[in-house]
Amino acid sequence: MTLKLKRDQIPLQKANNWRNSFEEEKKLTFNLGTSQIVLQKNTYKTLAGENENRLRIYLGLEQLNENGKYELCAFAVSAFLLGSGDVYVDYETPVYKLEKQNIDFSLITNEVIESIKRYRSWRMGELDADNKTAVVRKYIYPNAYLLTKFELHEIFNIQNKNAADLEFGISKTMNVMIVPEIDKNNGDEPNVFNYCGLCPPDCDDRSIYNIFQ
């Protein structure tokens, strides 16, 4: 019998597949060092507040270490819903660096910004432009993550944990690209479109063509 997943929970097999894909990407586009990134309960409580605001996690890079390598790091801020839409706006402070012991960087936000700039430069392939795989990073690695209320509420309030690790994984899914017919003899570059919803999650569970589990 399959156990019912909690809201925002993913199956363990899927999580392990994401981890494996991330390990594979380290051989290709990801050339950064990584250390433990932790969100502590006290930090969550401070940033979420009484209204349980959402948390946005920005990715950054440390300064070059003695081995000449950059290391990934992360910063957390509180994000509140603007009006009745789906736009979440950041509070500039407080801002915390998510190490094993979270550090309040609210008085040195310039260091946060510089760290984020370094990461953005790496993500865009500018930091090490001689790396041939660097140009595709922007299609793989995001700038930040907007966490949901539910996962953090579950971990810190329901399960009463004192900290949560932030790991990274990559979801590799085959997508369809729709390309108009062209005359290849003219050397034209075709437009490429992606008008599709993947199944799952966009499925018709009542269809006779989708009854197989």
N, C-alpha and C. Protein backbone atom coordinates (compact mmCIF):
# COMPACT_ATOMS: atom_id res chain seq x y z
N MET A 1 0.85 -1.20 0.00
CA MET A 1 0.00 0.00 0.00
C MET A 1 0.88 1.25 0.00
N THR A 2 0.59 2.17 -0.89
CA THR A 2 1.36 3.40 -0.99
C THR A 2 0.93 4.39 0.08
N LEU A 3 1.90 4.89 0.86
CA LEU A 3 1.59 5.86 1.89
C LEU A 3 1.23 7.20 1.26
N LYS A 4 0.23 7.86 1.81
CA LYS A 4 -0.18 9.16 1.30
C LYS A 4 0.87 10.20 1.66
N LEU A 5 1.29 10.95 0.66
CA LEU A 5 2.30 11.98 0.88
C LEU A 5 1.69 13.21 1.52
N LYS A 6 2.46 13.88 2.35
CA LYS A 6 2.03 15.14 2.93
C LYS A 6 2.16 16.24 1.89
N ARG A 7 1.53 17.35 2.15
CA ARG A 7 1.57 18.47 1.20
C ARG A 7 3.01 18.90 0.97
N ASP A 8 3.38 19.05 -0.30
CA ASP A 8 4.71 19.45 -0.74
C ASP A 8 5.77 18.37 -0.53
N GLN A 9 5.38 17.20 -0.06
CA GLN A 9 6.33 16.11 0.09
C GLN A 9 6.51 15.39 -1.23
N ILE A 10 7.74 14.98 -1.54
CA ILE A 10 8.00 14.21 -2.75
C ILE A 10 8.45 12.82 -2.35
N PRO A 11 8.16 11.82 -3.18
CA PRO A 11 8.57 10.44 -2.84
C PRO A 11 10.08 10.34 -2.70
N LEU A 12 10.51 9.43 -1.82
CA LEU A 12 11.93 9.26 -1.57
C LEU A 12 12.69 8.88 -2.84
N GLN A 13 12.08 8.02 -3.66
CA GLN A 13 12.74 7.60 -4.90
C GLN A 13 12.98 8.80 -5.81
N LYS A 14 12.01 9.72 -5.86
CA LYS A 14 12.15 10.91 -6.68
C LYS A 14 13.25 11.81 -6.13
N ALA A 15 13.28 11.96 -4.80
CA ALA A 15 14.33 12.77 -4.18
C ALA A 15 15.71 12.21 -4.48
N ASN A 16 15.83 10.89 -4.40
CA ASN A 16 17.13 10.26 -4.69
C ASN A 16 17.51 10.44 -6.15
N ASN A 17 16.52 10.40 -7.05
CA ASN A 17 16.80 10.64 -8.46
C ASN A 17 17.30 12.06 -8.69
N TRP A 18 16.69 13.02 -8.01
CA TRP A 18 17.14 14.42 -8.11
C TRP A 18 18.57 14.55 -7.60
N ARG A 19 18.87 13.88 -6.47
CA ARG A 19 20.23 13.93 -5.92
C ARG A 19 21.23 13.34 -6.91
N ASN A 20 20.88 12.22 -7.50
CA ASN A 20 21.78 11.56 -8.46
C ASN A 20 22.02 12.45 -9.68
N SER A 21 20.97 13.11 -10.14
CA SER A 21 21.10 14.00 -11.29
C SER A 21 22.01 15.18 -10.96
N PHE A 22 21.91 15.67 -9.73
CA PHE A 22 22.77 16.77 -9.30
C PHE A 22 24.23 16.33 -9.26
N GLU A 23 24.47 15.11 -8.78
CA GLU A 23 25.83 14.58 -8.74
C GLU A 23 26.40 14.45 -10.16
N GLU A 24 25.56 14.04 -11.11
CA GLU A 24 26.00 13.94 -12.49
C GLU A 24 26.34 15.31 -13.06
N GLU A 25 25.55 16.31 -12.67
CA GLU A 25 25.77 17.66 -13.19
C GLU A 25 27.06 18.27 -12.66
N LYS A 26 27.54 17.77 -11.52
CA LYS A 26 28.81 18.26 -10.99
C LYS A 26 29.97 17.94 -11.95
N LYS A 27 29.80 16.92 -12.77
CA LYS A 27 30.83 16.57 -13.73
C LYS A 27 30.76 17.45 -14.98
N LEU A 28 29.67 18.21 -15.10
CA LEU A 28 29.44 18.99 -16.31
C LEU A 28 29.44 20.49 -16.02
N THR A 29 28.32 21.03 -15.57
CA THR A 29 28.16 22.48 -15.46
C THR A 29 28.40 23.03 -14.06
N PHE A 30 28.34 22.18 -13.04
CA PHE A 30 28.43 22.66 -11.65
C PHE A 30 29.85 22.42 -11.13
N ASN A 31 30.61 23.50 -10.99
CA ASN A 31 32.00 23.37 -10.57
C ASN A 31 32.28 24.09 -9.25
N LEU A 32 31.25 24.21 -8.41
CA LEU A 32 31.37 24.91 -7.15
C LEU A 32 31.55 23.95 -5.99
N GLY A 33 32.16 24.46 -4.92
CA GLY A 33 32.16 23.71 -3.68
C GLY A 33 30.83 23.91 -2.96
N THR A 34 30.45 22.95 -2.16
CA THR A 34 29.20 23.06 -1.39
C THR A 34 29.45 22.68 0.05
N SER A 35 28.87 23.44 0.95
CA SER A 35 28.93 23.11 2.38
C SER A 35 27.49 23.02 2.88
N GLN A 36 27.34 22.61 4.12
CA GLN A 36 26.00 22.41 4.67
C GLN A 36 25.25 23.73 4.76
N ILE A 37 24.05 23.76 4.20
CA ILE A 37 23.17 24.92 4.27
C ILE A 37 21.99 24.56 5.14
N VAL A 38 21.81 25.29 6.23
CA VAL A 38 20.84 24.91 7.26
C VAL A 38 19.93 26.09 7.57
N LEU A 39 18.63 25.81 7.67
CA LEU A 39 17.67 26.80 8.16
C LEU A 39 17.28 26.41 9.57
N GLN A 40 17.60 27.27 10.54
CA GLN A 40 17.28 26.98 11.92
C GLN A 40 15.86 27.44 12.27
N LYS A 41 15.29 26.79 13.26
CA LYS A 41 13.92 27.09 13.66
C LYS A 41 13.76 28.55 14.10
N ASN A 42 14.74 29.07 14.86
CA ASN A 42 14.65 30.46 15.32
C ASN A 42 14.66 31.43 14.15
N THR A 43 15.46 31.11 13.12
CA THR A 43 15.48 31.96 11.93
C THR A 43 14.14 31.91 11.23
N TYR A 44 13.59 30.71 11.10
CA TYR A 44 12.26 30.55 10.49
C TYR A 44 11.22 31.37 11.25
N LYS A 45 11.23 31.27 12.56
CA LYS A 45 10.23 31.99 13.37
C LYS A 45 10.37 33.50 13.19
N THR A 46 11.60 33.97 13.13
CA THR A 46 11.84 35.41 12.96
C THR A 46 11.34 35.90 11.61
N LEU A 47 11.66 35.16 10.56
CA LEU A 47 11.32 35.60 9.21
C LEU A 47 9.85 35.36 8.87
N ALA A 48 9.30 34.27 9.35
CA ALA A 48 7.89 33.98 9.05
C ALA A 48 6.96 34.90 9.82
N GLY A 49 7.31 35.18 11.08
CA GLY A 49 6.49 36.07 11.90
C GLY A 49 5.13 35.47 12.23
N GLU A 50 4.27 36.27 12.81
CA GLU A 50 2.94 35.80 13.21
C GLU A 50 2.07 35.46 12.01
N ASN A 51 2.32 36.13 10.88
CA ASN A 51 1.51 35.88 9.68
C ASN A 51 2.03 34.70 8.86
N GLU A 52 3.07 34.07 9.33
CA GLU A 52 3.72 32.97 8.59
C GLU A 52 4.01 33.37 7.14
N ASN A 53 4.74 34.48 7.01
CA ASN A 53 5.19 34.90 5.69
C ASN A 53 6.02 33.79 5.05
N ARG A 54 6.12 33.84 3.76
CA ARG A 54 6.97 32.87 3.06
C ARG A 54 8.43 33.30 3.14
N LEU A 55 9.31 32.35 2.95
CA LEU A 55 10.74 32.63 2.97
C LEU A 55 11.30 32.51 1.57
N ARG A 56 12.15 33.48 1.19
CA ARG A 56 12.85 33.40 -0.08
C ARG A 56 14.33 33.14 0.21
N ILE A 57 14.86 32.14 -0.47
CA ILE A 57 16.26 31.77 -0.29
C ILE A 57 17.05 32.20 -1.52
N TYR A 58 17.98 33.13 -1.33
CA TYR A 58 18.84 33.59 -2.41
C TYR A 58 20.16 32.82 -2.39
N LEU A 59 20.62 32.43 -3.56
CA LEU A 59 21.90 31.74 -3.67
C LEU A 59 23.02 32.75 -3.89
N GLY A 60 24.15 32.48 -3.28
CA GLY A 60 25.30 33.35 -3.41
C GLY A 60 26.58 32.54 -3.50
N LEU A 61 27.69 33.23 -3.68
CA LEU A 61 29.00 32.58 -3.70
C LEU A 61 29.90 33.25 -2.67
N GLU A 62 30.66 32.40 -1.95
CA GLU A 62 31.69 32.92 -1.06
C GLU A 62 32.83 33.49 -1.91
N GLN A 63 33.73 34.21 -1.24
CA GLN A 63 34.94 34.66 -1.92
C GLN A 63 35.76 33.43 -2.32
N LEU A 64 36.64 33.58 -3.28
CA LEU A 64 37.53 32.49 -3.66
C LEU A 64 38.29 31.97 -2.45
N ASN A 65 38.31 30.63 -2.30
CA ASN A 65 39.06 30.08 -1.18
C ASN A 65 40.52 29.89 -1.56
N GLU A 66 41.29 29.34 -0.65
CA GLU A 66 42.74 29.23 -0.87
C GLU A 66 43.09 28.27 -2.00
N ASN A 67 42.13 27.41 -2.36
CA ASN A 67 42.36 26.49 -3.48
C ASN A 67 41.87 27.06 -4.81
N GLY A 68 41.46 28.34 -4.79
CA GLY A 68 41.01 28.99 -6.01
C GLY A 68 39.65 28.53 -6.47
N LYS A 69 38.78 28.12 -5.51
CA LYS A 69 37.46 27.62 -5.88
C LYS A 69 36.38 28.40 -5.14
N TYR A 70 35.27 28.65 -5.83
CA TYR A 70 34.13 29.31 -5.20
C TYR A 70 33.26 28.28 -4.51
N GLU A 71 32.55 28.72 -3.48
CA GLU A 71 31.67 27.83 -2.73
C GLU A 71 30.27 28.44 -2.66
N LEU A 72 29.27 27.59 -2.86
CA LEU A 72 27.88 28.03 -2.84
C LEU A 72 27.46 28.34 -1.41
N CYS A 73 26.66 29.39 -1.25
CA CYS A 73 26.07 29.71 0.05
C CYS A 73 24.65 30.22 -0.18
N ALA A 74 23.93 30.52 0.90
CA ALA A 74 22.53 30.91 0.75
C ALA A 74 22.13 31.91 1.84
N PHE A 75 21.18 32.78 1.49
CA PHE A 75 20.67 33.79 2.40
C PHE A 75 19.14 33.74 2.40
N ALA A 76 18.55 33.97 3.56
CA ALA A 76 17.09 33.90 3.68
C ALA A 76 16.51 35.23 4.11
N VAL A 77 15.40 35.62 3.45
CA VAL A 77 14.64 36.81 3.83
C VAL A 77 13.16 36.44 3.90
N SER A 78 12.39 37.33 4.46
CA SER A 78 10.95 37.15 4.53
C SER A 78 10.29 37.77 3.30
N ALA A 79 9.26 37.09 2.78
CA ALA A 79 8.56 37.58 1.59
C ALA A 79 7.06 37.62 1.88
N PHE A 80 6.43 38.76 1.61
CA PHE A 80 5.00 38.91 1.91
C PHE A 80 4.20 39.08 0.63
N LEU A 81 2.93 38.68 0.69
CA LEU A 81 2.05 38.74 -0.46
C LEU A 81 1.64 40.19 -0.71
N LEU A 82 1.85 40.66 -1.94
CA LEU A 82 1.50 42.03 -2.31
C LEU A 82 0.12 42.04 -2.94
N GLY A 83 -0.84 42.63 -2.26
CA GLY A 83 -2.20 42.68 -2.79
C GLY A 83 -2.83 41.30 -2.84
N SER A 84 -3.65 41.09 -3.87
CA SER A 84 -4.39 39.83 -3.97
C SER A 84 -3.84 38.93 -5.08
N GLY A 85 -2.69 39.31 -5.65
CA GLY A 85 -2.12 38.51 -6.73
C GLY A 85 -1.20 37.43 -6.21
N ASP A 86 -0.30 36.99 -7.06
CA ASP A 86 0.67 35.95 -6.68
C ASP A 86 2.07 36.51 -6.58
N VAL A 87 2.18 37.82 -6.36
CA VAL A 87 3.48 38.46 -6.28
C VAL A 87 3.91 38.56 -4.82
N TYR A 88 5.08 38.02 -4.52
CA TYR A 88 5.64 38.10 -3.17
C TYR A 88 6.83 39.05 -3.19
N VAL A 89 6.82 39.98 -2.25
CA VAL A 89 7.83 41.03 -2.17
C VAL A 89 8.71 40.79 -0.95
N ASP A 90 10.01 41.01 -1.11
CA ASP A 90 10.96 40.77 -0.02
C ASP A 90 10.98 41.91 0.97
N TYR A 91 11.12 41.58 2.25
CA TYR A 91 11.60 42.53 3.24
C TYR A 91 13.13 42.53 3.13
N GLU A 92 13.72 43.70 3.05
CA GLU A 92 15.18 43.77 2.88
C GLU A 92 15.92 43.25 4.11
N THR A 93 15.36 43.51 5.28
CA THR A 93 15.92 42.98 6.52
C THR A 93 14.77 42.49 7.39
N PRO A 94 15.04 41.53 8.27
CA PRO A 94 16.32 40.90 8.50
C PRO A 94 16.69 39.92 7.38
N VAL A 95 17.98 39.67 7.24
CA VAL A 95 18.48 38.69 6.27
C VAL A 95 19.51 37.82 6.98
N TYR A 96 19.39 36.52 6.80
CA TYR A 96 20.25 35.57 7.50
C TYR A 96 21.04 34.72 6.51
N LYS A 97 22.31 34.52 6.85
CA LYS A 97 23.13 33.56 6.10
C LYS A 97 22.90 32.18 6.70
N LEU A 98 22.63 31.20 5.84
CA LEU A 98 22.20 29.89 6.31
C LEU A 98 23.36 28.91 6.42
N GLU A 99 24.18 29.12 7.42
CA GLU A 99 25.22 28.17 7.77
C GLU A 99 24.67 27.24 8.87
N LYS A 100 25.53 26.38 9.41
CA LYS A 100 25.08 25.47 10.47
C LYS A 100 24.48 26.26 11.62
N GLN A 101 25.11 27.38 11.95
CA GLN A 101 24.53 28.35 12.87
C GLN A 101 24.20 29.59 12.05
N ASN A 102 22.92 29.88 11.88
CA ASN A 102 22.50 31.00 11.04
C ASN A 102 23.04 32.32 11.59
N ILE A 103 23.47 33.19 10.67
CA ILE A 103 24.10 34.45 11.04
C ILE A 103 23.26 35.60 10.50
N ASP A 104 22.97 36.56 11.38
CA ASP A 104 22.21 37.75 11.00
C ASP A 104 23.14 38.71 10.23
N PHE A 105 22.84 38.91 8.96
CA PHE A 105 23.63 39.80 8.10
C PHE A 105 22.91 41.13 7.86
N SER A 106 21.94 41.46 8.70
CA SER A 106 21.11 42.63 8.46
C SER A 106 21.89 43.94 8.45
N LEU A 107 23.01 43.98 9.17
CA LEU A 107 23.82 45.20 9.23
C LEU A 107 24.89 45.24 8.16
N ILE A 108 25.03 44.15 7.41
CA ILE A 108 26.04 44.10 6.34
C ILE A 108 25.39 43.54 5.07
N THR A 109 24.26 44.13 4.69
CA THR A 109 23.56 43.65 3.49
C THR A 109 24.39 43.83 2.23
N ASN A 110 25.36 44.74 2.28
CA ASN A 110 26.23 44.93 1.11
C ASN A 110 27.01 43.65 0.81
N GLU A 111 27.39 42.90 1.85
CA GLU A 111 28.11 41.64 1.65
C GLU A 111 27.18 40.58 1.05
N VAL A 112 25.91 40.62 1.45
CA VAL A 112 24.92 39.71 0.87
C VAL A 112 24.79 39.99 -0.62
N ILE A 113 24.66 41.25 -0.96
CA ILE A 113 24.48 41.65 -2.37
C ILE A 113 25.68 41.25 -3.20
N GLU A 114 26.88 41.46 -2.68
CA GLU A 114 28.09 41.10 -3.43
C GLU A 114 28.17 39.59 -3.65
N SER A 115 27.76 38.83 -2.65
CA SER A 115 27.76 37.37 -2.77
C SER A 115 26.77 36.91 -3.84
N ILE A 116 25.59 37.51 -3.83
CA ILE A 116 24.58 37.18 -4.84
C ILE A 116 25.06 37.56 -6.23
N LYS A 117 25.71 38.72 -6.35
CA LYS A 117 26.25 39.15 -7.65
C LYS A 117 27.26 38.13 -8.19
N ARG A 118 28.11 37.63 -7.31
CA ARG A 118 29.09 36.63 -7.75
C ARG A 118 28.40 35.38 -8.29
N TYR A 119 27.36 34.95 -7.58
CA TYR A 119 26.62 33.77 -8.04
C TYR A 119 25.95 34.03 -9.38
N ARG A 120 25.35 35.22 -9.54
CA ARG A 120 24.67 35.53 -10.80
C ARG A 120 25.67 35.55 -11.94
N SER A 121 26.86 36.04 -11.68
CA SER A 121 27.90 36.07 -12.71
C SER A 121 28.31 34.64 -13.08
N TRP A 122 28.41 33.77 -12.07
CA TRP A 122 28.71 32.36 -12.35
C TRP A 122 27.58 31.73 -13.14
N ARG A 123 26.35 32.00 -12.71
CA ARG A 123 25.17 31.40 -13.35
C ARG A 123 25.06 31.80 -14.82
N MET A 124 25.43 33.02 -15.14
CA MET A 124 25.36 33.51 -16.51
C MET A 124 26.58 33.11 -17.34
N GLY A 125 27.54 32.40 -16.72
CA GLY A 125 28.71 31.95 -17.45
C GLY A 125 29.77 33.00 -17.62
N GLU A 126 29.71 34.08 -16.82
CA GLU A 126 30.65 35.19 -16.97
C GLU A 126 31.86 35.05 -16.06
N LEU A 127 31.69 34.34 -14.97
CA LEU A 127 32.76 34.24 -13.98
C LEU A 127 33.92 33.38 -14.49
N ASP A 128 33.59 32.38 -15.28
CA ASP A 128 34.61 31.52 -15.89
C ASP A 128 34.23 31.25 -17.34
N ALA A 129 34.30 32.30 -18.13
CA ALA A 129 33.82 32.25 -19.52
C ALA A 129 34.60 31.26 -20.37
N ASP A 130 35.78 30.85 -19.92
CA ASP A 130 36.55 29.88 -20.69
C ASP A 130 35.99 28.46 -20.55
N ASN A 131 35.08 28.27 -19.60
CA ASN A 131 34.43 26.97 -19.41
C ASN A 131 33.33 26.82 -20.46
N LYS A 132 33.45 25.85 -21.34
CA LYS A 132 32.52 25.70 -22.46
C LYS A 132 31.10 25.38 -22.02
N THR A 133 30.94 24.77 -20.84
CA THR A 133 29.61 24.40 -20.37
C THR A 133 28.92 25.52 -19.59
N ALA A 134 29.66 26.60 -19.33
CA ALA A 134 29.13 27.66 -18.46
C ALA A 134 27.90 28.34 -19.04
N VAL A 135 27.80 28.40 -20.36
CA VAL A 135 26.72 29.18 -20.99
C VAL A 135 25.33 28.57 -20.75
N VAL A 136 25.27 27.30 -20.38
CA VAL A 136 23.96 26.67 -20.19
C VAL A 136 23.48 26.72 -18.75
N ARG A 137 24.30 27.25 -17.86
CA ARG A 137 23.92 27.24 -16.43
C ARG A 137 22.62 27.99 -16.18
N LYS A 138 22.40 29.07 -16.90
CA LYS A 138 21.20 29.87 -16.66
C LYS A 138 19.91 29.10 -16.92
N TYR A 139 20.00 28.00 -17.66
CA TYR A 139 18.83 27.18 -17.92
C TYR A 139 18.64 26.09 -16.86
N ILE A 140 19.63 25.95 -16.00
CA ILE A 140 19.59 24.87 -15.01
C ILE A 140 19.45 25.40 -13.58
N TYR A 141 20.20 26.44 -13.26
CA TYR A 141 20.30 26.89 -11.87
C TYR A 141 19.52 28.19 -11.66
N PRO A 142 18.63 28.21 -10.67
CA PRO A 142 17.81 29.41 -10.43
C PRO A 142 18.55 30.47 -9.63
N ASN A 143 17.96 31.65 -9.57
CA ASN A 143 18.51 32.72 -8.74
C ASN A 143 18.17 32.52 -7.27
N ALA A 144 16.95 32.05 -7.03
CA ALA A 144 16.45 31.95 -5.66
C ALA A 144 15.30 30.96 -5.61
N TYR A 145 14.86 30.66 -4.39
CA TYR A 145 13.72 29.77 -4.18
C TYR A 145 12.72 30.47 -3.25
N LEU A 146 11.44 30.45 -3.63
CA LEU A 146 10.39 30.96 -2.76
C LEU A 146 9.74 29.75 -2.10
N LEU A 147 10.05 29.52 -0.83
CA LEU A 147 9.55 28.34 -0.15
C LEU A 147 8.08 28.51 0.21
N THR A 148 7.37 27.41 0.29
CA THR A 148 5.96 27.48 0.67
C THR A 148 5.83 27.53 2.19
N LYS A 149 4.66 27.91 2.65
CA LYS A 149 4.40 27.91 4.08
C LYS A 149 4.30 26.49 4.62
N PHE A 150 3.79 25.61 3.79
CA PHE A 150 3.36 24.30 4.29
C PHE A 150 4.55 23.43 4.70
N GLU A 151 5.59 23.41 3.88
CA GLU A 151 6.73 22.55 4.19
C GLU A 151 7.44 23.00 5.46
N LEU A 152 7.58 24.31 5.64
CA LEU A 152 8.25 24.81 6.83
C LEU A 152 7.37 24.67 8.07
N HIS A 153 6.08 24.88 7.92
CA HIS A 153 5.15 24.69 9.03
C HIS A 153 5.18 23.24 9.49
N GLU A 154 5.22 22.32 8.54
CA GLU A 154 5.27 20.89 8.85
C GLU A 154 6.54 20.55 9.62
N ILE A 155 7.68 21.04 9.16
CA ILE A 155 8.96 20.68 9.77
C ILE A 155 9.13 21.31 11.15
N PHE A 156 8.83 22.61 11.25
CA PHE A 156 9.16 23.32 12.49
C PHE A 156 8.02 23.34 13.52
N ASN A 157 6.78 23.33 13.05
CA ASN A 157 5.66 23.40 13.99
C ASN A 157 5.03 22.04 14.28
N ILE A 158 4.82 21.25 13.25
CA ILE A 158 4.18 19.94 13.45
C ILE A 158 5.21 18.92 13.96
N GLN A 159 6.34 18.81 13.25
CA GLN A 159 7.37 17.86 13.67
C GLN A 159 8.29 18.42 14.76
N ASN A 160 8.21 19.73 14.98
CA ASN A 160 8.96 20.41 16.04
C ASN A 160 10.47 20.19 15.93
N LYS A 161 10.97 20.25 14.70
CA LYS A 161 12.41 20.11 14.49
C LYS A 161 13.09 21.45 14.75
N ASN A 162 14.36 21.39 15.12
CA ASN A 162 15.11 22.60 15.41
C ASN A 162 15.84 23.16 14.20
N ALA A 163 15.98 22.35 13.16
CA ALA A 163 16.69 22.81 11.96
C ALA A 163 16.28 21.95 10.78
N ALA A 164 16.50 22.49 9.59
CA ALA A 164 16.23 21.75 8.35
C ALA A 164 17.38 21.99 7.39
N ASP A 165 17.90 20.91 6.82
CA ASP A 165 18.96 21.02 5.81
C ASP A 165 18.35 21.39 4.46
N LEU A 166 19.05 22.22 3.72
CA LEU A 166 18.66 22.53 2.34
C LEU A 166 19.61 21.80 1.41
N GLU A 167 19.10 20.79 0.75
CA GLU A 167 19.89 20.05 -0.24
C GLU A 167 19.47 20.53 -1.63
N PHE A 168 20.22 20.09 -2.64
CA PHE A 168 19.90 20.47 -4.01
C PHE A 168 19.79 19.23 -4.88
N GLY A 169 18.85 19.27 -5.77
CA GLY A 169 18.66 18.19 -6.72
C GLY A 169 18.25 18.78 -8.06
N ILE A 170 18.38 17.98 -9.09
CA ILE A 170 18.02 18.42 -10.43
C ILE A 170 17.01 17.45 -11.01
N SER A 171 15.93 17.99 -11.51
CA SER A 171 14.89 17.18 -12.15
C SER A 171 15.15 17.16 -13.65
N LYS A 172 15.44 15.98 -14.18
CA LYS A 172 15.68 15.84 -15.61
C LYS A 172 14.47 15.17 -16.25
N THR A 173 13.74 15.91 -17.06
CA THR A 173 12.52 15.43 -17.71
C THR A 173 12.60 15.70 -19.20
N MET A 174 12.18 14.73 -19.99
CA MET A 174 12.15 14.94 -21.44
C MET A 174 11.00 15.89 -21.78
N ASN A 175 11.31 16.95 -22.49
CA ASN A 175 10.31 17.91 -22.95
C ASN A 175 10.14 17.79 -24.45
N VAL A 176 9.04 18.31 -24.94
CA VAL A 176 8.80 18.31 -26.37
C VAL A 176 9.03 19.73 -26.91
N MET A 177 9.70 19.83 -28.05
CA MET A 177 9.92 21.10 -28.71
C MET A 177 9.25 21.04 -30.08
N ILE A 178 8.49 22.06 -30.39
CA ILE A 178 7.74 22.09 -31.65
C ILE A 178 8.44 23.06 -32.59
N VAL A 179 8.86 22.53 -33.72
CA VAL A 179 9.68 23.31 -34.65
C VAL A 179 8.97 23.37 -36.01
N PRO A 180 8.75 24.57 -36.57
CA PRO A 180 8.10 24.66 -37.88
C PRO A 180 9.00 24.10 -38.98
N GLU A 181 8.37 23.56 -39.99
CA GLU A 181 9.11 23.01 -41.12
C GLU A 181 9.86 24.14 -41.84
N ILE A 182 11.10 23.87 -42.14
CA ILE A 182 11.91 24.90 -42.82
C ILE A 182 12.67 24.25 -43.97
N ASP A 183 13.19 25.09 -44.81
CA ASP A 183 14.04 24.63 -45.90
C ASP A 183 15.48 24.60 -45.39
N LYS A 184 15.94 23.41 -45.06
CA LYS A 184 17.27 23.28 -44.48
C LYS A 184 18.37 23.71 -45.46
N ASN A 185 18.05 23.70 -46.76
CA ASN A 185 19.05 24.09 -47.75
C ASN A 185 19.41 25.57 -47.66
N ASN A 186 18.47 26.36 -47.08
CA ASN A 186 18.72 27.80 -46.95
C ASN A 186 19.51 28.14 -45.69
N GLY A 187 19.73 27.13 -44.85
CA GLY A 187 20.48 27.36 -43.62
C GLY A 187 19.74 28.17 -42.59
N ASP A 188 18.38 28.18 -42.68
CA ASP A 188 17.60 28.96 -41.72
C ASP A 188 17.64 28.30 -40.33
N GLU A 189 17.60 29.16 -39.31
CA GLU A 189 17.48 28.67 -37.94
C GLU A 189 16.00 28.72 -37.56
N PRO A 190 15.40 27.59 -37.23
CA PRO A 190 13.96 27.59 -36.97
C PRO A 190 13.62 28.15 -35.60
N ASN A 191 12.40 28.66 -35.46
CA ASN A 191 11.86 29.00 -34.15
C ASN A 191 11.54 27.70 -33.42
N VAL A 192 11.75 27.70 -32.13
CA VAL A 192 11.47 26.51 -31.33
C VAL A 192 10.45 26.88 -30.26
N PHE A 193 9.37 26.11 -30.18
CA PHE A 193 8.29 26.40 -29.25
C PHE A 193 8.11 25.26 -28.25
N ASN A 194 7.50 25.60 -27.12
CA ASN A 194 7.27 24.60 -26.08
C ASN A 194 5.88 24.82 -25.49
N TYR A 195 4.86 24.56 -26.31
CA TYR A 195 3.48 24.74 -25.85
C TYR A 195 2.98 23.40 -25.32
N CYS A 196 3.32 23.09 -24.10
CA CYS A 196 2.88 21.78 -23.59
C CYS A 196 2.81 21.80 -22.07
N GLY A 197 1.95 20.94 -21.56
CA GLY A 197 1.89 20.65 -20.14
C GLY A 197 2.26 19.19 -19.97
N LEU A 198 3.19 18.92 -19.08
CA LEU A 198 3.65 17.55 -18.89
C LEU A 198 2.64 16.72 -18.10
N CYS A 199 2.54 15.45 -18.46
CA CYS A 199 1.70 14.50 -17.72
C CYS A 199 2.61 13.43 -17.11
N PRO A 200 2.66 13.31 -15.76
CA PRO A 200 2.02 14.22 -14.79
C PRO A 200 2.77 15.55 -14.69
N PRO A 201 2.09 16.61 -14.17
CA PRO A 201 0.81 16.59 -13.46
C PRO A 201 -0.41 16.88 -14.33
N ASP A 202 -0.23 17.39 -15.54
CA ASP A 202 -1.39 17.78 -16.37
C ASP A 202 -1.92 16.57 -17.13
N CYS A 203 -2.72 15.77 -16.46
CA CYS A 203 -3.24 14.53 -17.05
C CYS A 203 -4.76 14.49 -16.97
N ASP A 204 -5.36 13.68 -17.81
CA ASP A 204 -6.78 13.38 -17.72
C ASP A 204 -6.90 11.96 -17.17
N ASP A 205 -7.14 11.86 -15.89
CA ASP A 205 -7.19 10.54 -15.26
C ASP A 205 -8.41 9.73 -15.65
N ARG A 206 -9.35 10.35 -16.37
CA ARG A 206 -10.54 9.63 -16.80
C ARG A 206 -10.39 9.07 -18.21
N SER A 207 -9.33 9.47 -18.91
CA SER A 207 -9.15 9.06 -20.29
C SER A 207 -8.80 7.57 -20.39
N ILE A 208 -9.32 6.92 -21.43
CA ILE A 208 -8.99 5.51 -21.65
C ILE A 208 -7.53 5.35 -22.05
N TYR A 209 -6.90 6.47 -22.43
CA TYR A 209 -5.50 6.43 -22.83
C TYR A 209 -4.56 6.69 -21.66
N ASN A 210 -5.13 6.87 -20.50
CA ASN A 210 -4.32 7.22 -19.33
C ASN A 210 -4.74 6.42 -18.11
N ILE A 211 -5.04 5.15 -18.33
CA ILE A 211 -5.54 4.31 -17.23
C ILE A 211 -4.42 3.44 -16.67
N PHE A 212 -3.23 3.52 -17.26
CA PHE A 212 -2.15 2.64 -16.84
C PHE A 212 -1.35 3.30 -15.71
N GLN A 213 -1.08 2.54 -14.69
CA GLN A 213 -0.34 3.06 -13.53
C GLN A 213 1.08 2.49 -13.53
